[in-house]
C-alpha atoms as a PDB file:
ATOM      1  CA  MET A   1     -54.562   3.635   3.462  1.00  0.00           C
ATOM      2  CA  ARG A   2     -52.100   1.216   2.373  1.00  0.00           C
ATOM      3  CA  ARG A   3     -50.095   2.261  -0.352  1.00  0.00           C
ATOM      4  CA  PRO A   4     -49.012  -0.017  -3.154  1.00  0.00           C
ATOM      5  CA  ILE A   5     -46.357  -2.181  -2.736  1.00  0.00           C
ATOM      6  CA  ALA A   6     -44.425  -1.492  -6.251  1.00  0.00           C
ATOM      7  CA  VAL A   7     -44.762   2.399  -4.936  1.00  0.00           C
ATOM      8  CA  VAL A   8     -43.234   1.591  -2.088  1.00  0.00           C
ATOM      9  CA  LEU A   9     -40.273  -0.539  -3.658  1.00  0.00           C
ATOM     10  CA  ALA A  10     -39.969   2.189  -5.866  1.00  0.00           C
ATOM     11  CA  ALA A  11     -39.288   4.946  -2.999  1.00  0.00           C
ATOM     12  CA  CYS A  12     -37.083   2.921  -1.244  1.00  0.00           C
ATOM     13  CA  LEU A  13     -34.646   2.663  -3.974  1.00  0.00           C
ATOM     14  CA  VAL A  14     -34.733   6.134  -4.917  1.00  0.00           C
ATOM     15  CA  LEU A  15     -33.593   6.604  -1.414  1.00  0.00           C
ATOM     16  CA  SER A  16     -31.352   4.450  -0.524  1.00  0.00           C
ATOM     17  CA  GLY A  17     -31.449   0.773  -2.262  1.00  0.00           C
ATOM     18  CA  CYS A  18     -33.526  -0.393   0.478  1.00  0.00           C
ATOM     19  CA  GLY A  19     -30.332  -2.722   1.836  1.00  0.00           C
ATOM     20  CA  GLY A  20     -28.997  -0.720   4.718  1.00  0.00           C
ATOM     21  CA  GLY A  21     -26.601   0.754   2.619  1.00  0.00           C
ATOM     22  CA  GLU A  22     -24.676   4.065   2.404  1.00  0.00           C
ATOM     23  CA  GLY A  23     -26.207   4.692  -1.624  1.00  0.00           C
ATOM     24  CA  THR A  24     -27.681   3.028  -4.438  1.00  0.00           C
ATOM     25  CA  SER A  25     -25.963   0.606  -6.334  1.00  0.00           C
ATOM     26  CA  ILE A  26     -22.665   1.203  -8.957  1.00  0.00           C
ATOM     27  CA  LEU A  27     -24.822  -0.740 -10.721  1.00  0.00           C
ATOM     28  CA  GLY A  28     -27.955   1.492 -11.334  1.00  0.00           C
ATOM     29  CA  LYS A  29     -25.552   3.901 -12.484  1.00  0.00           C
ATOM     30  CA  GLU A  30     -24.644   4.604 -16.643  1.00  0.00           C
ATOM     31  CA  THR A  31     -21.596   6.575 -15.671  1.00  0.00           C
ATOM     32  CA  LEU A  32     -19.057   5.813 -13.166  1.00  0.00           C
ATOM     33  CA  VAL A  33     -17.056   8.552 -11.553  1.00  0.00           C
ATOM     34  CA  ALA A  34     -13.908   7.368 -10.339  1.00  0.00           C
ATOM     35  CA  GLY A  35     -11.752   8.866  -8.072  1.00  0.00           C
ATOM     36  CA  VAL A  36      -7.727   9.110  -8.706  1.00  0.00           C
ATOM     37  CA  ARG A  37      -4.573   9.831  -7.983  1.00  0.00           C
ATOM     38  CA  PRO A  38      -3.747  13.662  -9.330  1.00  0.00           C
ATOM     39  CA  ASP A  39       0.098  14.156  -7.819  1.00  0.00           C
ATOM     40  CA  LEU A  40       1.032  10.272  -9.020  1.00  0.00           C
ATOM     41  CA  PRO A  41       3.372   9.535 -12.046  1.00  0.00           C
ATOM     42  CA  GLY A  42       2.455   6.536 -13.314  1.00  0.00           C
ATOM     43  CA  ILE A  43      -0.724   5.614 -11.235  1.00  0.00           C
ATOM     44  CA  GLY A  44      -2.883   8.876 -11.519  1.00  0.00           C
ATOM     45  CA  LEU A  45      -1.902  12.321 -12.497  1.00  0.00           C
ATOM     46  CA  LYS A  46      -3.544  15.288 -13.635  1.00  0.00           C
ATOM     47  CA  ARG A  47      -2.433  17.141 -17.262  1.00  0.00           C
ATOM     48  CA  PRO A  48      -2.375  20.568 -17.691  1.00  0.00           C
ATOM     49  CA  ASP A  49      -5.186  20.353 -19.809  1.00  0.00           C
ATOM     50  CA  GLY A  50      -7.560  18.532 -16.965  1.00  0.00           C
ATOM     51  CA  THR A  51      -7.070  15.222 -17.918  1.00  0.00           C
ATOM     52  CA  PHE A  52      -5.867  12.244 -16.270  1.00  0.00           C
ATOM     53  CA  GLU A  53      -3.216   9.333 -16.734  1.00  0.00           C
ATOM     54  CA  GLY A  54      -1.860   6.436 -15.682  1.00  0.00           C
ATOM     55  CA  LEU A  55      -2.299   2.606 -14.111  1.00  0.00           C
ATOM     56  CA  ASP A  56      -5.570   3.893 -12.268  1.00  0.00           C
ATOM     57  CA  VAL A  57      -7.034   5.674 -14.857  1.00  0.00           C
ATOM     58  CA  ASP A  58      -6.336   2.876 -17.502  1.00  0.00           C
ATOM     59  CA  VAL A  59      -7.698   0.066 -15.085  1.00  0.00           C
ATOM     60  CA  SER A  60     -11.128   2.075 -14.079  1.00  0.00           C
ATOM     61  CA  ARG A  61     -11.672   2.582 -17.978  1.00  0.00           C
ATOM     62  CA  TYR A  62     -11.110  -1.184 -18.618  1.00  0.00           C
ATOM     63  CA  LEU A  63     -13.517  -1.944 -15.367  1.00  0.00           C
ATOM     64  CA  ALA A  64     -15.845   0.211 -16.661  1.00  0.00           C
ATOM     65  CA  GLU A  65     -16.149  -1.131 -20.084  1.00  0.00           C
ATOM     66  CA  ARG A  66     -16.461  -4.308 -19.499  1.00  0.00           C
ATOM     67  CA  MET A  67     -19.488  -3.456 -16.474  1.00  0.00           C
ATOM     68  CA  GLY A  68     -20.922  -1.930 -19.566  1.00  0.00           C
ATOM     69  CA  LYS A  69     -20.484   1.850 -18.441  1.00  0.00           C
ATOM     70  CA  LYS A  70     -18.835   4.960 -18.855  1.00  0.00           C
ATOM     71  CA  VAL A  71     -16.381   6.567 -16.662  1.00  0.00           C
ATOM     72  CA  ARG A  72     -15.160   9.851 -15.682  1.00  0.00           C
ATOM     73  CA  PHE A  73     -12.619  10.889 -13.095  1.00  0.00           C
ATOM     74  CA  VAL A  74     -12.213  13.730 -10.571  1.00  0.00           C
ATOM     75  CA  PRO A  75      -8.668  14.063  -8.272  1.00  0.00           C
ATOM     76  CA  ALA A  76      -8.858  12.436  -4.677  1.00  0.00           C
ATOM     77  CA  LEU A  77      -6.034  13.439  -2.640  1.00  0.00           C
ATOM     78  CA  ALA A  78      -4.622  10.691   0.576  1.00  0.00           C
ATOM     79  CA  ARG A  79      -6.783  13.439   2.654  1.00  0.00           C
ATOM     80  CA  ASP A  80      -9.500  13.876   0.914  1.00  0.00           C
ATOM     81  CA  ARG A  81     -10.558   9.948  -0.735  1.00  0.00           C
ATOM     82  CA  GLU A  82     -13.272   9.014   1.726  1.00  0.00           C
ATOM     83  CA  ARG A  83     -15.218  11.842   2.415  1.00  0.00           C
ATOM     84  CA  LEU A  84     -15.141  12.251  -1.577  1.00  0.00           C
ATOM     85  CA  LEU A  85     -16.968   9.158  -0.846  1.00  0.00           C
ATOM     86  CA  ARG A  86     -19.175   9.253   1.604  1.00  0.00           C
ATOM     87  CA  GLU A  87     -20.375  12.710   0.059  1.00  0.00           C
ATOM     88  CA  GLY A  88     -21.509  10.977  -3.148  1.00  0.00           C
ATOM     89  CA  ASP A  89     -18.895  12.947  -4.878  1.00  0.00           C
ATOM     90  CA  VAL A  90     -17.483   9.499  -6.424  1.00  0.00           C
ATOM     91  CA  ASP A  91     -18.390   5.888  -7.133  1.00  0.00           C
ATOM     92  CA  MET A  92     -15.061   4.544  -6.146  1.00  0.00           C
ATOM     93  CA  VAL A  93     -11.340   5.259  -5.355  1.00  0.00           C
ATOM     94  CA  LEU A  94      -8.387   3.778  -7.059  1.00  0.00           C
ATOM     95  CA  THR A  95      -5.406   3.080  -4.706  1.00  0.00           C
ATOM     96  CA  PHE A  96      -6.540   2.529  -1.452  1.00  0.00           C
ATOM     97  CA  TRP A  97      -4.508   0.058   1.091  1.00  0.00           C
ATOM     98  CA  LEU A  98      -6.912  -2.478   2.548  1.00  0.00           C
ATOM     99  CA  GLU A  99      -6.066  -2.003   5.933  1.00  0.00           C
ATOM    100  CA  PRO A 100      -8.348  -2.720   9.195  1.00  0.00           C
ATOM    101  CA  GLU A 101      -8.934   1.025   9.588  1.00  0.00           C
ATOM    102  CA  TRP A 102     -10.690   1.404   6.311  1.00  0.00           C
ATOM    103  CA  THR A 103     -12.521  -1.801   6.047  1.00  0.00           C
ATOM    104  CA  GLN A 104     -13.783  -0.470   8.590  1.00  0.00           C
ATOM    105  CA  ARG A 105     -15.996   2.283   7.439  1.00  0.00           C
ATOM    106  CA  LEU A 106     -15.658   1.540   3.359  1.00  0.00           C
ATOM    107  CA  ALA A 107     -16.167  -1.564   1.693  1.00  0.00           C
ATOM    108  CA  PHE A 108     -13.773  -2.680  -1.252  1.00  0.00           C
ATOM    109  CA  ALA A 109     -13.554  -4.596  -4.473  1.00  0.00           C
ATOM    110  CA  GLY A 110     -10.009  -6.210  -5.386  1.00  0.00           C
ATOM    111  CA  PRO A 111      -7.269  -5.832  -4.350  1.00  0.00           C
ATOM    112  CA  TYR A 112      -6.385  -5.031  -7.977  1.00  0.00           C
ATOM    113  CA  LEU A 113      -2.907  -4.679  -7.116  1.00  0.00           C
ATOM    114  CA  LEU A 114      -0.490  -6.318  -4.972  1.00  0.00           C
ATOM    115  CA  SER A 115       2.774  -4.764  -4.184  1.00  0.00           C
ATOM    116  CA  TYR A 116       5.001  -3.612  -1.302  1.00  0.00           C
ATOM    117  CA  GLN A 117       6.372  -0.674   0.205  1.00  0.00           C
ATOM    118  CA  ASP A 118       9.778   0.624  -0.726  1.00  0.00           C
ATOM    119  CA  ILE A 119      11.970   3.580  -0.078  1.00  0.00           C
ATOM    120  CA  LEU A 120      13.188   6.602  -2.767  1.00  0.00           C
ATOM    121  CA  VAL A 121      16.416   7.876  -2.047  1.00  0.00           C
ATOM    122  CA  ARG A 122      18.754  10.584  -3.194  1.00  0.00           C
ATOM    123  CA  ALA A 123      21.069   8.758  -5.973  1.00  0.00           C
ATOM    124  CA  GLY A 124      23.823   9.233  -3.928  1.00  0.00           C
ATOM    125  CA  GLU A 125      22.628   8.047  -0.632  1.00  0.00           C
ATOM    126  CA  LYS A 126      24.535   5.179   0.696  1.00  0.00           C
ATOM    127  CA  ASP A 127      23.993   4.119   3.928  1.00  0.00           C
ATOM    128  CA  VAL A 128      20.188   3.860   3.600  1.00  0.00           C
ATOM    129  CA  LYS A 129      20.054   0.262   2.317  1.00  0.00           C
ATOM    130  CA  GLY A 130      16.192  -0.823   4.306  1.00  0.00           C
ATOM    131  CA  VAL A 131      13.586   0.618   6.623  1.00  0.00           C
ATOM    132  CA  ARG A 132      16.163  -0.308   9.769  1.00  0.00           C
ATOM    133  CA  ASP A 133      18.488   2.358   8.262  1.00  0.00           C
ATOM    134  CA  LEU A 134      15.605   5.285   8.344  1.00  0.00           C
ATOM    135  CA  ARG A 135      16.087   5.541  12.033  1.00  0.00           C
ATOM    136  CA  GLY A 136      16.742   9.068  13.056  1.00  0.00           C
ATOM    137  CA  ARG A 137      15.939  10.343   9.513  1.00  0.00           C
ATOM    138  CA  LYS A 138      13.603  12.412   7.998  1.00  0.00           C
ATOM    139  CA  ILE A 139      11.175  10.596   5.781  1.00  0.00           C
ATOM    140  CA  CYS A 140       7.686  11.943   3.518  1.00  0.00           C
ATOM    141  CA  ALA A 141       4.251  11.866   5.774  1.00  0.00           C
ATOM    142  CA  VAL A 142       1.408  13.063   3.458  1.00  0.00           C
ATOM    143  CA  THR A 143      -1.436  13.307   5.103  1.00  0.00           C
ATOM    144  CA  GLY A 144      -3.978  10.572   4.982  1.00  0.00           C
ATOM    145  CA  SER A 145      -1.342   8.360   3.579  1.00  0.00           C
ATOM    146  CA  GLY A 146      -0.441   6.191   5.991  1.00  0.00           C
ATOM    147  CA  ALA A 147       2.876   5.546   4.533  1.00  0.00           C
ATOM    148  CA  ALA A 148       5.400   7.142   7.126  1.00  0.00           C
ATOM    149  CA  GLU A 149       3.029   5.185   9.703  1.00  0.00           C
ATOM    150  CA  ALA A 150       3.905   1.703   8.383  1.00  0.00           C
ATOM    151  CA  VAL A 151       7.654   2.555   9.389  1.00  0.00           C
ATOM    152  CA  THR A 152       7.478   4.556  13.082  1.00  0.00           C
ATOM    153  CA  VAL A 153       4.538   2.697  14.123  1.00  0.00           C
ATOM    154  CA  GLU A 154       4.275  -0.797  12.790  1.00  0.00           C
ATOM    155  CA  ARG A 155       7.951  -1.712  12.144  1.00  0.00           C
ATOM    156  CA  GLN A 156       8.742   1.003  15.372  1.00  0.00           C
ATOM    157  CA  VAL A 157      11.606   2.591  13.622  1.00  0.00           C
ATOM    158  CA  PRO A 158      12.349   5.783  15.177  1.00  0.00           C
ATOM    159  CA  ALA A 159      12.196   8.303  11.762  1.00  0.00           C
ATOM    160  CA  VAL A 160      10.902  11.391  11.411  1.00  0.00           C
ATOM    161  CA  PRO A 161       7.659  11.927   9.693  1.00  0.00           C
ATOM    162  CA  VAL A 162       7.564  15.386   7.986  1.00  0.00           C
ATOM    163  CA  ALA A 163       4.149  15.921   6.681  1.00  0.00           C
ATOM    164  CA  ALA A 164       3.557  17.053   3.302  1.00  0.00           C
ATOM    165  CA  ARG A 165       0.692  17.736   1.116  1.00  0.00           C
ATOM    166  CA  SER A 166       1.669  15.329  -2.045  1.00  0.00           C
ATOM    167  CA  TYR A 167       4.164  13.573  -3.449  1.00  0.00           C
ATOM    168  CA  ASP A 168       5.061  16.232  -5.335  1.00  0.00           C
ATOM    169  CA  ASP A 169       5.735  18.096  -2.316  1.00  0.00           C
ATOM    170  CA  CYS A 170       7.944  15.021  -0.908  1.00  0.00           C
ATOM    171  CA  MET A 171       9.579  14.449  -4.356  1.00  0.00           C
ATOM    172  CA  THR A 172      10.701  18.644  -4.116  1.00  0.00           C
ATOM    173  CA  MET A 173      11.376  17.802  -0.483  1.00  0.00           C
ATOM    174  CA  LEU A 174      13.637  15.134  -1.428  1.00  0.00           C
ATOM    175  CA  ARG A 175      15.660  17.049  -3.994  1.00  0.00           C
ATOM    176  CA  ASP A 176      16.348  20.148  -1.692  1.00  0.00           C
ATOM    177  CA  GLY A 177      17.655  18.255   1.093  1.00  0.00           C
ATOM    178  CA  ARG A 178      14.715  19.056   3.740  1.00  0.00           C
ATOM    179  CA  ILE A 179      13.714  14.837   3.847  1.00  0.00           C
ATOM    180  CA  ASP A 180      16.187  12.275   3.396  1.00  0.00           C
ATOM    181  CA  ALA A 181      13.156   9.134   2.401  1.00  0.00           C
ATOM    182  CA  ILE A 182       9.905   9.439   0.578  1.00  0.00           C
ATOM    183  CA  THR A 183       8.187   5.789   1.603  1.00  0.00           C
ATOM    184  CA  THR A 184       5.542   4.426   0.345  1.00  0.00           C
ATOM    185  CA  ASN A 185       3.935   1.398  -2.440  1.00  0.00           C
ATOM    186  CA  ASP A 186       7.194   0.755  -4.912  1.00  0.00           C
ATOM    187  CA  THR A 187       4.793   1.291  -8.039  1.00  0.00           C
ATOM    188  CA  ILE A 188       4.033   4.749  -6.798  1.00  0.00           C
ATOM    189  CA  LEU A 189       7.964   5.283  -6.048  1.00  0.00           C
ATOM    190  CA  ALA A 190       8.356   4.242  -9.379  1.00  0.00           C
ATOM    191  CA  GLY A 191       6.048   5.911 -11.317  1.00  0.00           C
ATOM    192  CA  LEU A 192       7.955   9.163  -9.203  1.00  0.00           C
ATOM    193  CA  LYS A 193      11.580   8.038 -10.214  1.00  0.00           C
ATOM    194  CA  THR A 194      10.297   7.789 -13.658  1.00  0.00           C
ATOM    195  CA  ARG A 195       9.132  10.427 -14.229  1.00  0.00           C
ATOM    196  CA  GLN A 196      12.015  12.424 -12.564  1.00  0.00           C
ATOM    197  CA  GLY A 197      14.877  10.715 -14.055  1.00  0.00           C
ATOM    198  CA  ASP A 198      18.540  10.760 -12.697  1.00  0.00           C
ATOM    199  CA  GLY A 199      19.091  11.851  -8.950  1.00  0.00           C
ATOM    200  CA  PHE A 200      16.963   9.264  -7.292  1.00  0.00           C
ATOM    201  CA  ARG A 201      17.297   5.568  -6.402  1.00  0.00           C
ATOM    202  CA  LEU A 202      14.665   3.451  -5.725  1.00  0.00           C
ATOM    203  CA  LEU A 203      16.241   0.932  -3.310  1.00  0.00           C
ATOM    204  CA  ASN A 204      14.217  -2.247  -3.552  1.00  0.00           C
ATOM    205  CA  ALA A 205      13.739  -2.918   0.461  1.00  0.00           C
ATOM    206  CA  ARG A 206      10.642  -4.821  -0.454  1.00  0.00           C
ATOM    207  CA  PHE A 207       8.823  -4.482   3.008  1.00  0.00           C
ATOM    208  CA  GLY A 208       5.304  -5.267   3.923  1.00  0.00           C
ATOM    209  CA  GLU A 209       3.224  -6.913   1.221  1.00  0.00           C
ATOM    210  CA  ARG A 210       0.258  -4.042   0.304  1.00  0.00           C
ATOM    211  CA  ARG A 211      -2.967  -5.202  -1.446  1.00  0.00           C
ATOM    212  CA  THR A 212      -4.647  -2.122  -2.907  1.00  0.00           C
ATOM    213  CA  GLY A 213      -8.296  -1.973  -3.578  1.00  0.00           C
ATOM    214  CA  ILE A 214     -11.022   0.185  -5.094  1.00  0.00           C
ATOM    215  CA  ALA A 215     -12.861   1.839  -2.232  1.00  0.00           C
ATOM    216  CA  ILE A 216     -16.995   1.744  -2.772  1.00  0.00           C
ATOM    217  CA  ARG A 217     -19.481   2.433  -0.397  1.00  0.00           C
ATOM    218  CA  LYS A 218     -20.712  -0.232   2.029  1.00  0.00           C
ATOM    219  CA  GLY A 219     -23.927  -1.638   0.812  1.00  0.00           C
ATOM    220  CA  ASP A 220     -23.478  -2.390  -2.686  1.00  0.00           C
ATOM    221  CA  PRO A 221     -22.218  -6.153  -2.896  1.00  0.00           C
ATOM    222  CA  GLY A 222     -23.547  -6.779  -6.060  1.00  0.00           C
ATOM    223  CA  GLY A 223     -21.694  -3.677  -7.552  1.00  0.00           C
ATOM    224  CA  CYS A 224     -18.091  -5.149  -5.448  1.00  0.00           C
ATOM    225  CA  GLU A 225     -18.897  -8.727  -7.045  1.00  0.00           C
ATOM    226  CA  ALA A 226     -19.079  -7.206 -10.143  1.00  0.00           C
ATOM    227  CA  LEU A 227     -15.707  -4.911 -10.075  1.00  0.00           C
ATOM    228  CA  ASN A 228     -14.186  -8.181  -8.849  1.00  0.00           C
ATOM    229  CA  ARG A 229     -15.148 -10.378 -12.168  1.00  0.00           C
ATOM    230  CA  ALA A 230     -13.768  -7.546 -14.050  1.00  0.00           C
ATOM    231  CA  ILE A 231     -10.182  -7.455 -12.214  1.00  0.00           C
ATOM    232  CA  THR A 232     -10.362 -11.608 -12.807  1.00  0.00           C
ATOM    233  CA  GLN A 233     -10.858 -10.992 -16.786  1.00  0.00           C
ATOM    234  CA  MET A 234      -8.314  -8.111 -16.706  1.00  0.00           C
ATOM    235  CA  TYR A 235      -5.895 -10.241 -15.364  1.00  0.00           C
ATOM    236  CA  GLN A 236      -6.616 -13.384 -17.026  1.00  0.00           C
ATOM    237  CA  ASP A 237      -6.963 -11.891 -20.502  1.00  0.00           C
ATOM    238  CA  GLY A 238      -3.264 -10.431 -20.154  1.00  0.00           C
ATOM    239  CA  THR A 239      -4.212  -6.301 -19.862  1.00  0.00           C
ATOM    240  CA  MET A 240      -2.694  -6.134 -16.333  1.00  0.00           C
ATOM    241  CA  ALA A 241       0.715  -7.103 -17.677  1.00  0.00           C
ATOM    242  CA  GLU A 242       0.528  -4.608 -20.075  1.00  0.00           C
ATOM    243  CA  PHE A 243      -0.761  -1.908 -18.131  1.00  0.00           C
ATOM    244  CA  MET A 244       2.117  -2.519 -15.852  1.00  0.00           C
ATOM    245  CA  HIS A 245       4.762  -2.878 -18.531  1.00  0.00           C
ATOM    246  CA  LYS A 246       3.262   0.689 -19.865  1.00  0.00           C
ATOM    247  CA  TRP A 247       3.605   2.370 -16.595  1.00  0.00           C
ATOM    248  CA  PHE A 248       6.475   1.340 -14.854  1.00  0.00           C
ATOM    249  CA  GLY A 249       8.638  -1.014 -17.794  1.00  0.00           C
ATOM    250  CA  THR A 250      11.638   1.373 -17.529  1.00  0.00           C
ATOM    251  CA  SER A 251      11.589   1.732 -13.753  1.00  0.00           C
ATOM    252  CA  GLY A 252      13.302  -1.226 -12.414  1.00  0.00           C
ATOM    253  CA  LEU A 253       9.928  -2.928 -10.819  1.00  0.00           C
ATOM    254  CA  ASP A 254      10.168  -6.369 -11.143  1.00  0.00           C
ATOM    255  CA  LEU A 255       7.316  -7.219 -13.588  1.00  0.00           C
ATOM    256  CA  SER A 256       7.919 -10.874 -14.119  1.00  0.00           C
ATOM    257  CA  ASP A 257       4.732 -12.103 -11.826  1.00  0.00           C
ATOM    258  CA  VAL A 258       1.784 -10.989 -12.658  1.00  0.00           C
ATOM    259  CA  GLU A 259      -1.316 -12.981 -11.299  1.00  0.00           C
ATOM    260  CA  VAL A 260      -4.708 -12.258 -10.364  1.00  0.00           C
ATOM    261  CA  PRO A 261      -4.683 -11.401  -6.343  1.00  0.00           C
ATOM    262  CA  GLN A 262      -6.578 -13.234  -3.918  1.00  0.00           C
ATOM    263  CA  PHE A 263     -10.098 -10.925  -3.108  1.00  0.00           C
ATOM    264  CA  GLU A 264     -11.137 -10.002   0.216  1.00  0.00           C
ATOM    265  CA  GLY A 265     -14.251 -11.199  -0.633  1.00  0.00           C
ATOM    266  CA  CYS A 266     -17.631  -8.533  -0.794  1.00  0.00           C
ATOM    267  CA  LEU A 267     -19.930  -7.991   2.173  1.00  0.00           C
END
């Protein structure tokens, strides 16, 4: 006996969205669950009371409001973020580099931020002026971030990666001399430096443009396009420039040109 078409469609929507994707669209959710970093001052930081602050928190709230939705936050360390998406614990994860290894497995809105990789050293360090000077030096390698590999593999600089669980661990090791440098997005380093104050120096080496996107599950082009529209509005109405100055205005980061990034396109 043939079931009514309406019943089939309803069951299909409940199960998977009927599009071959990995879950229902974020467009159907009243509250978006955003995975943000809990360990990056200025980007995403978990306060002692359990709430979150930082650029990614402000961006998530803005995008959700533009889409007519609420948002709540969960911590997403670099090593956990893909698993959180795949298991459905979050709907989107911010601070995700748009790299081929990720775009093969996940979908991305944005990028919502263009930045460069940079280097943070102790204030008294005079011999490290750029990425080539990291040869033979110990650099922090946060599990799942890929930043250390951008030095040792992409640029083939024979630095010595030292594993760490978080950038808080990196700062502790840099402070006590167990490593010589931290390298990652300039915005991440600017946030770390602003929080720690004196004793550290951002080199402004600016190598390797980093396109930072919002990871979502594959099979949701409608949700991706809605996020991209909201990102465009965030730049056009000046909100993104306000966010950047709010979190990095005293860090020495060049904030003179905050323009809408070119999107990758939604698949």
